Amino acid sequence: MFKKGAFETAKDQDYDVWNLSAPYIFFKIFKFMELFDSYEVVARYGRESLNDIVPIKEFAWRRKEALDRYLVSLKFIISNSKFIIIDKETLDKFRDRVDALIKNIHLTNNMQQDQLTKSNILVIEEQKFNYILTQARNIYEDVSILLNNAGLIFRKKEDFDLDAIKSHFINIA
């Protein structure tokens, strides 16, 4: 479940052996934050890198799947953050907004028949697709602010005490 070395990393960061918050935060929140960005790129462009070769037939399908994963990742970030965010009501509102986006995701695409090959092709409704992407990004940014305010992303400045750090090094020397 946890990668080898996660507990040592937590210990090196002045965490108690029984405190699993560092690996939990990494694997249950930050991992999905990284995936969220990756899925957004694929949803917007159909591929993650300019060097990726994607057949034209798969382009719309990749974008559709990336949008699905994009929203699910956002839902994971919100649900896995609930323990640290004090304002549960706001977090629940964000979750409800994501649920509404998921409920309407079917409006972002439709199947059409290719007249030449008589095969079905997926067509992205760009305006609706981009609306859902933008709304999800806005929710993500708001949730990121809550996580940062909780001290999860950047340490709060009041937690930084140079005198205490100096004393700690003097005492261990």
C-alpha atoms as a PDB file:
ATOM      1  CA  MET A   1       0.000   0.000   0.000  1.00  0.00           C
ATOM      2  CA  PHE A   2       2.726   2.498   0.969  1.00  0.00           C
ATOM      3  CA  LYS A   3       5.942   2.726  -0.987  1.00  0.00           C
ATOM      4  CA  LYS A   4       9.076   1.502   0.718  1.00  0.00           C
ATOM      5  CA  GLY A   5      10.760   4.365   2.501  1.00  0.00           C
ATOM      6  CA  ALA A   6       7.623   6.392   3.208  1.00  0.00           C
ATOM      7  CA  PHE A   7       7.897   5.750   6.927  1.00  0.00           C
ATOM      8  CA  GLU A   8      11.588   6.662   6.982  1.00  0.00           C
ATOM      9  CA  THR A   9      10.766   9.900   5.174  1.00  0.00           C
ATOM     10  CA  ALA A  10       8.115  10.666   7.774  1.00  0.00           C
ATOM     11  CA  LYS A  11      10.591   9.914  10.565  1.00  0.00           C
ATOM     12  CA  ASP A  12      13.249  12.138   8.974  1.00  0.00           C
ATOM     13  CA  GLN A  13      10.733  14.995   8.958  1.00  0.00           C
ATOM     14  CA  ASP A  14      10.376  14.904  12.758  1.00  0.00           C
ATOM     15  CA  TYR A  15       7.264  12.754  12.738  1.00  0.00           C
ATOM     16  CA  ASP A  16       6.634  10.257  15.446  1.00  0.00           C
ATOM     17  CA  VAL A  17       6.804   6.603  14.328  1.00  0.00           C
ATOM     18  CA  TRP A  18       3.064   6.285  14.974  1.00  0.00           C
ATOM     19  CA  ASN A  19       2.164   9.441  13.110  1.00  0.00           C
ATOM     20  CA  LEU A  20       1.316   8.430   9.551  1.00  0.00           C
ATOM     21  CA  SER A  21       0.136  11.836   8.405  1.00  0.00           C
ATOM     22  CA  ALA A  22       3.043  12.498   6.030  1.00  0.00           C
ATOM     23  CA  PRO A  23       2.638   9.310   3.970  1.00  0.00           C
ATOM     24  CA  TYR A  24      -1.155   9.596   4.170  1.00  0.00           C
ATOM     25  CA  ILE A  25      -1.072  13.159   2.865  1.00  0.00           C
ATOM     26  CA  PHE A  26       1.316  12.177   0.093  1.00  0.00           C
ATOM     27  CA  PHE A  27      -0.521   9.053  -1.077  1.00  0.00           C
ATOM     28  CA  LYS A  28      -4.112  10.142  -0.474  1.00  0.00           C
ATOM     29  CA  ILE A  29      -3.994  13.836  -1.398  1.00  0.00           C
ATOM     30  CA  PHE A  30      -0.833  14.975  -3.197  1.00  0.00           C
ATOM     31  CA  LYS A  31      -0.782  11.967  -5.541  1.00  0.00           C
ATOM     32  CA  PHE A  32      -4.260  12.890  -6.771  1.00  0.00           C
ATOM     33  CA  MET A  33      -3.310  16.554  -7.046  1.00  0.00           C
ATOM     34  CA  GLU A  34      -0.507  15.561  -9.406  1.00  0.00           C
ATOM     35  CA  LEU A  35      -2.795  13.241 -11.369  1.00  0.00           C
ATOM     36  CA  PHE A  36      -5.396  16.017 -11.563  1.00  0.00           C
ATOM     37  CA  ASP A  37      -2.981  18.239 -13.484  1.00  0.00           C
ATOM     38  CA  SER A  38      -1.961  15.397 -15.774  1.00  0.00           C
ATOM     39  CA  TYR A  39      -5.588  14.495 -16.555  1.00  0.00           C
ATOM     40  CA  GLU A  40      -6.356  18.121 -17.303  1.00  0.00           C
ATOM     41  CA  VAL A  41      -3.637  18.249 -19.943  1.00  0.00           C
ATOM     42  CA  VAL A  42      -4.931  15.064 -21.605  1.00  0.00           C
ATOM     43  CA  ALA A  43      -8.545  16.280 -21.395  1.00  0.00           C
ATOM     44  CA  ARG A  44      -7.617  19.559 -23.075  1.00  0.00           C
ATOM     45  CA  TYR A  45      -5.176  18.284 -25.697  1.00  0.00           C
ATOM     46  CA  GLY A  46      -5.764  14.544 -26.072  1.00  0.00           C
ATOM     47  CA  ARG A  47      -2.229  13.693 -25.051  1.00  0.00           C
ATOM     48  CA  GLU A  48       0.097  14.491 -22.193  1.00  0.00           C
ATOM     49  CA  SER A  49       3.142  15.383 -24.226  1.00  0.00           C
ATOM     50  CA  LEU A  50       3.747  16.820 -27.663  1.00  0.00           C
ATOM     51  CA  ASN A  51       5.829  13.717 -28.334  1.00  0.00           C
ATOM     52  CA  ASP A  52       2.934  11.327 -27.669  1.00  0.00           C
ATOM     53  CA  ILE A  53       1.547   9.744 -30.801  1.00  0.00           C
ATOM     54  CA  VAL A  54      -2.205   9.247 -30.568  1.00  0.00           C
ATOM     55  CA  PRO A  55      -4.291   7.909 -33.455  1.00  0.00           C
ATOM     56  CA  ILE A  56      -7.022  10.334 -34.490  1.00  0.00           C
ATOM     57  CA  LYS A  57      -9.707   7.724 -33.684  1.00  0.00           C
ATOM     58  CA  GLU A  58      -8.577   7.626 -30.042  1.00  0.00           C
ATOM     59  CA  PHE A  59      -8.243  11.370 -29.501  1.00  0.00           C
ATOM     60  CA  ALA A  60     -11.813  12.099 -28.371  1.00  0.00           C
ATOM     61  CA  TRP A  61     -11.965   8.902 -26.304  1.00  0.00           C
ATOM     62  CA  ARG A  62      -8.754   9.837 -24.460  1.00  0.00           C
ATOM     63  CA  ARG A  63     -10.103  13.314 -23.753  1.00  0.00           C
ATOM     64  CA  LYS A  64     -13.406  11.873 -22.471  1.00  0.00           C
ATOM     65  CA  GLU A  65     -11.649   9.369 -20.186  1.00  0.00           C
ATOM     66  CA  ALA A  66      -9.265  12.049 -18.931  1.00  0.00           C
ATOM     67  CA  LEU A  67     -12.230  14.273 -18.031  1.00  0.00           C
ATOM     68  CA  ASP A  68     -13.826  11.369 -16.136  1.00  0.00           C
ATOM     69  CA  ARG A  69     -10.588  10.718 -14.231  1.00  0.00           C
ATOM     70  CA  TYR A  70     -10.100  14.461 -13.709  1.00  0.00           C
ATOM     71  CA  LEU A  71     -13.395  14.714 -11.835  1.00  0.00           C
ATOM     72  CA  VAL A  72     -12.850  11.505  -9.873  1.00  0.00           C
ATOM     73  CA  SER A  73      -9.389  12.725  -8.802  1.00  0.00           C
ATOM     74  CA  LEU A  74     -10.944  15.964  -7.600  1.00  0.00           C
ATOM     75  CA  LYS A  75     -13.501  13.994  -5.616  1.00  0.00           C
ATOM     76  CA  PHE A  76     -10.676  11.928  -4.026  1.00  0.00           C
ATOM     77  CA  ILE A  77      -8.782  15.101  -3.098  1.00  0.00           C
ATOM     78  CA  ILE A  78     -11.877  16.516  -1.398  1.00  0.00           C
ATOM     79  CA  SER A  79     -12.864  13.344   0.453  1.00  0.00           C
ATOM     80  CA  ASN A  80      -9.297  12.569   1.555  1.00  0.00           C
ATOM     81  CA  SER A  81      -8.879  16.154   2.822  1.00  0.00           C
ATOM     82  CA  LYS A  82     -11.904  16.111   5.067  1.00  0.00           C
ATOM     83  CA  PHE A  83      -9.883  15.203   8.172  1.00  0.00           C
ATOM     84  CA  ILE A  84      -7.686  18.304   7.934  1.00  0.00           C
ATOM     85  CA  ILE A  85     -10.167  20.965   6.783  1.00  0.00           C
ATOM     86  CA  ILE A  86     -12.014  22.640   9.632  1.00  0.00           C
ATOM     87  CA  ASP A  87     -14.736  24.092   7.401  1.00  0.00           C
ATOM     88  CA  LYS A  88     -16.518  20.817   6.541  1.00  0.00           C
ATOM     89  CA  GLU A  89     -19.565  22.678   5.221  1.00  0.00           C
ATOM     90  CA  THR A  90     -17.543  24.394   2.494  1.00  0.00           C
ATOM     91  CA  LEU A  91     -15.823  21.137   1.620  1.00  0.00           C
ATOM     92  CA  ASP A  92     -19.236  19.438   1.329  1.00  0.00           C
ATOM     93  CA  LYS A  93     -20.372  22.212  -1.028  1.00  0.00           C
ATOM     94  CA  PHE A  94     -17.329  21.586  -3.207  1.00  0.00           C
ATOM     95  CA  ARG A  95     -18.085  17.863  -3.222  1.00  0.00           C
ATOM     96  CA  ASP A  96     -21.694  18.587  -4.227  1.00  0.00           C
ATOM     97  CA  ARG A  97     -20.478  20.799  -7.075  1.00  0.00           C
ATOM     98  CA  VAL A  98     -18.186  18.015  -8.308  1.00  0.00           C
ATOM     99  CA  ASP A  99     -21.081  15.532  -8.084  1.00  0.00           C
ATOM    100  CA  ALA A 100     -23.175  17.890 -10.230  1.00  0.00           C
ATOM    101  CA  LEU A 101     -20.377  18.052 -12.822  1.00  0.00           C
ATOM    102  CA  ILE A 102     -20.117  14.250 -12.845  1.00  0.00           C
ATOM    103  CA  LYS A 103     -23.875  13.970 -13.221  1.00  0.00           C
ATOM    104  CA  ASN A 104     -23.754  16.215 -16.323  1.00  0.00           C
ATOM    105  CA  ILE A 105     -20.616  14.806 -17.918  1.00  0.00           C
ATOM    106  CA  HIS A 106     -22.699  12.914 -20.478  1.00  0.00           C
ATOM    107  CA  LEU A 107     -23.598  16.278 -22.046  1.00  0.00           C
ATOM    108  CA  THR A 108     -19.969  16.847 -23.068  1.00  0.00           C
ATOM    109  CA  ASN A 109     -19.972  14.326 -25.898  1.00  0.00           C
ATOM    110  CA  ASN A 110     -22.162  12.354 -28.258  1.00  0.00           C
ATOM    111  CA  MET A 111     -21.899   9.547 -30.749  1.00  0.00           C
ATOM    112  CA  GLN A 112     -22.236  10.260 -34.454  1.00  0.00           C
ATOM    113  CA  GLN A 113     -21.993   7.974 -37.430  1.00  0.00           C
ATOM    114  CA  ASP A 114     -19.152   8.494 -39.869  1.00  0.00           C
ATOM    115  CA  GLN A 115     -20.855   8.632 -43.273  1.00  0.00           C
ATOM    116  CA  LEU A 116     -17.847   7.212 -45.090  1.00  0.00           C
ATOM    117  CA  THR A 117     -17.046   4.216 -42.854  1.00  0.00           C
ATOM    118  CA  LYS A 118     -20.495   3.841 -41.253  1.00  0.00           C
ATOM    119  CA  SER A 119     -18.772   3.486 -37.884  1.00  0.00           C
ATOM    120  CA  ASN A 120     -19.684   5.394 -34.739  1.00  0.00           C
ATOM    121  CA  ILE A 121     -17.364   8.169 -33.648  1.00  0.00           C
ATOM    122  CA  LEU A 122     -17.259  10.127 -30.417  1.00  0.00           C
ATOM    123  CA  VAL A 123     -17.659  13.879 -30.850  1.00  0.00           C
ATOM    124  CA  ILE A 124     -16.726  16.273 -28.045  1.00  0.00           C
ATOM    125  CA  GLU A 125     -19.104  19.176 -27.417  1.00  0.00           C
ATOM    126  CA  GLU A 126     -16.267  21.644 -26.821  1.00  0.00           C
ATOM    127  CA  GLN A 127     -18.240  24.406 -25.099  1.00  0.00           C
ATOM    128  CA  LYS A 128     -19.794  22.060 -22.525  1.00  0.00           C
ATOM    129  CA  PHE A 129     -16.576  20.074 -22.166  1.00  0.00           C
ATOM    130  CA  ASN A 130     -14.536  23.214 -21.474  1.00  0.00           C
ATOM    131  CA  TYR A 131     -17.174  24.505 -19.063  1.00  0.00           C
ATOM    132  CA  ILE A 132     -16.833  21.362 -16.928  1.00  0.00           C
ATOM    133  CA  LEU A 133     -13.024  21.551 -17.110  1.00  0.00           C
ATOM    134  CA  THR A 134     -13.060  25.182 -16.007  1.00  0.00           C
ATOM    135  CA  GLN A 135     -15.519  24.575 -13.167  1.00  0.00           C
ATOM    136  CA  ALA A 136     -13.455  21.632 -11.906  1.00  0.00           C
ATOM    137  CA  ARG A 137     -10.253  23.720 -12.046  1.00  0.00           C
ATOM    138  CA  ASN A 138     -11.954  26.496 -10.057  1.00  0.00           C
ATOM    139  CA  ILE A 139     -13.063  24.005  -7.392  1.00  0.00           C
ATOM    140  CA  TYR A 140      -9.559  22.531  -7.277  1.00  0.00           C
ATOM    141  CA  GLU A 141      -8.016  25.960  -6.752  1.00  0.00           C
ATOM    142  CA  ASP A 142     -10.463  26.734  -3.921  1.00  0.00           C
ATOM    143  CA  VAL A 143      -9.783  23.380  -2.245  1.00  0.00           C
ATOM    144  CA  SER A 144      -6.030  23.988  -2.612  1.00  0.00           C
ATOM    145  CA  ILE A 145      -6.443  27.273  -0.739  1.00  0.00           C
ATOM    146  CA  LEU A 146      -8.236  25.441   2.082  1.00  0.00           C
ATOM    147  CA  LEU A 147      -5.452  22.846   2.198  1.00  0.00           C
ATOM    148  CA  ASN A 148      -2.824  25.565   2.275  1.00  0.00           C
ATOM    149  CA  ASN A 149      -4.668  27.466   5.023  1.00  0.00           C
ATOM    150  CA  ALA A 150      -4.682  24.225   7.020  1.00  0.00           C
ATOM    151  CA  GLY A 151      -0.877  24.140   6.703  1.00  0.00           C
ATOM    152  CA  LEU A 152      -0.864  21.096   4.465  1.00  0.00           C
ATOM    153  CA  ILE A 153       0.891  22.580   1.434  1.00  0.00           C
ATOM    154  CA  PHE A 154       3.089  25.325   2.843  1.00  0.00           C
ATOM    155  CA  ARG A 155       3.970  25.631   6.487  1.00  0.00           C
ATOM    156  CA  LYS A 156       2.329  28.511   8.264  1.00  0.00           C
ATOM    157  CA  LYS A 157       4.761  31.301   9.063  1.00  0.00           C
ATOM    158  CA  GLU A 158       3.839  31.376  12.742  1.00  0.00           C
ATOM    159  CA  ASP A 159       5.083  27.769  13.015  1.00  0.00           C
ATOM    160  CA  PHE A 160       8.580  28.923  12.055  1.00  0.00           C
ATOM    161  CA  ASP A 161      10.605  29.884  15.113  1.00  0.00           C
ATOM    162  CA  LEU A 162      14.257  30.514  14.301  1.00  0.00           C
ATOM    163  CA  ASP A 163      15.222  30.698  17.994  1.00  0.00           C
ATOM    164  CA  ALA A 164      13.690  27.285  18.670  1.00  0.00           C
ATOM    165  CA  ILE A 165      15.552  25.782  15.717  1.00  0.00           C
ATOM    166  CA  LYS A 166      18.796  27.340  16.894  1.00  0.00           C
ATOM    167  CA  SER A 167      18.230  26.020  20.435  1.00  0.00           C
ATOM    168  CA  HIS A 168      17.475  22.559  19.067  1.00  0.00           C
ATOM    169  CA  PHE A 169      20.799  22.449  17.185  1.00  0.00           C
ATOM    170  CA  ILE A 170      22.709  23.732  20.227  1.00  0.00           C
ATOM    171  CA  ASN A 171      21.109  21.094  22.455  1.00  0.00           C
ATOM    172  CA  ILE A 172      21.900  18.197  20.134  1.00  0.00           C
ATOM    173  CA  ALA A 173      25.492  19.355  19.517  1.00  0.00           C
END
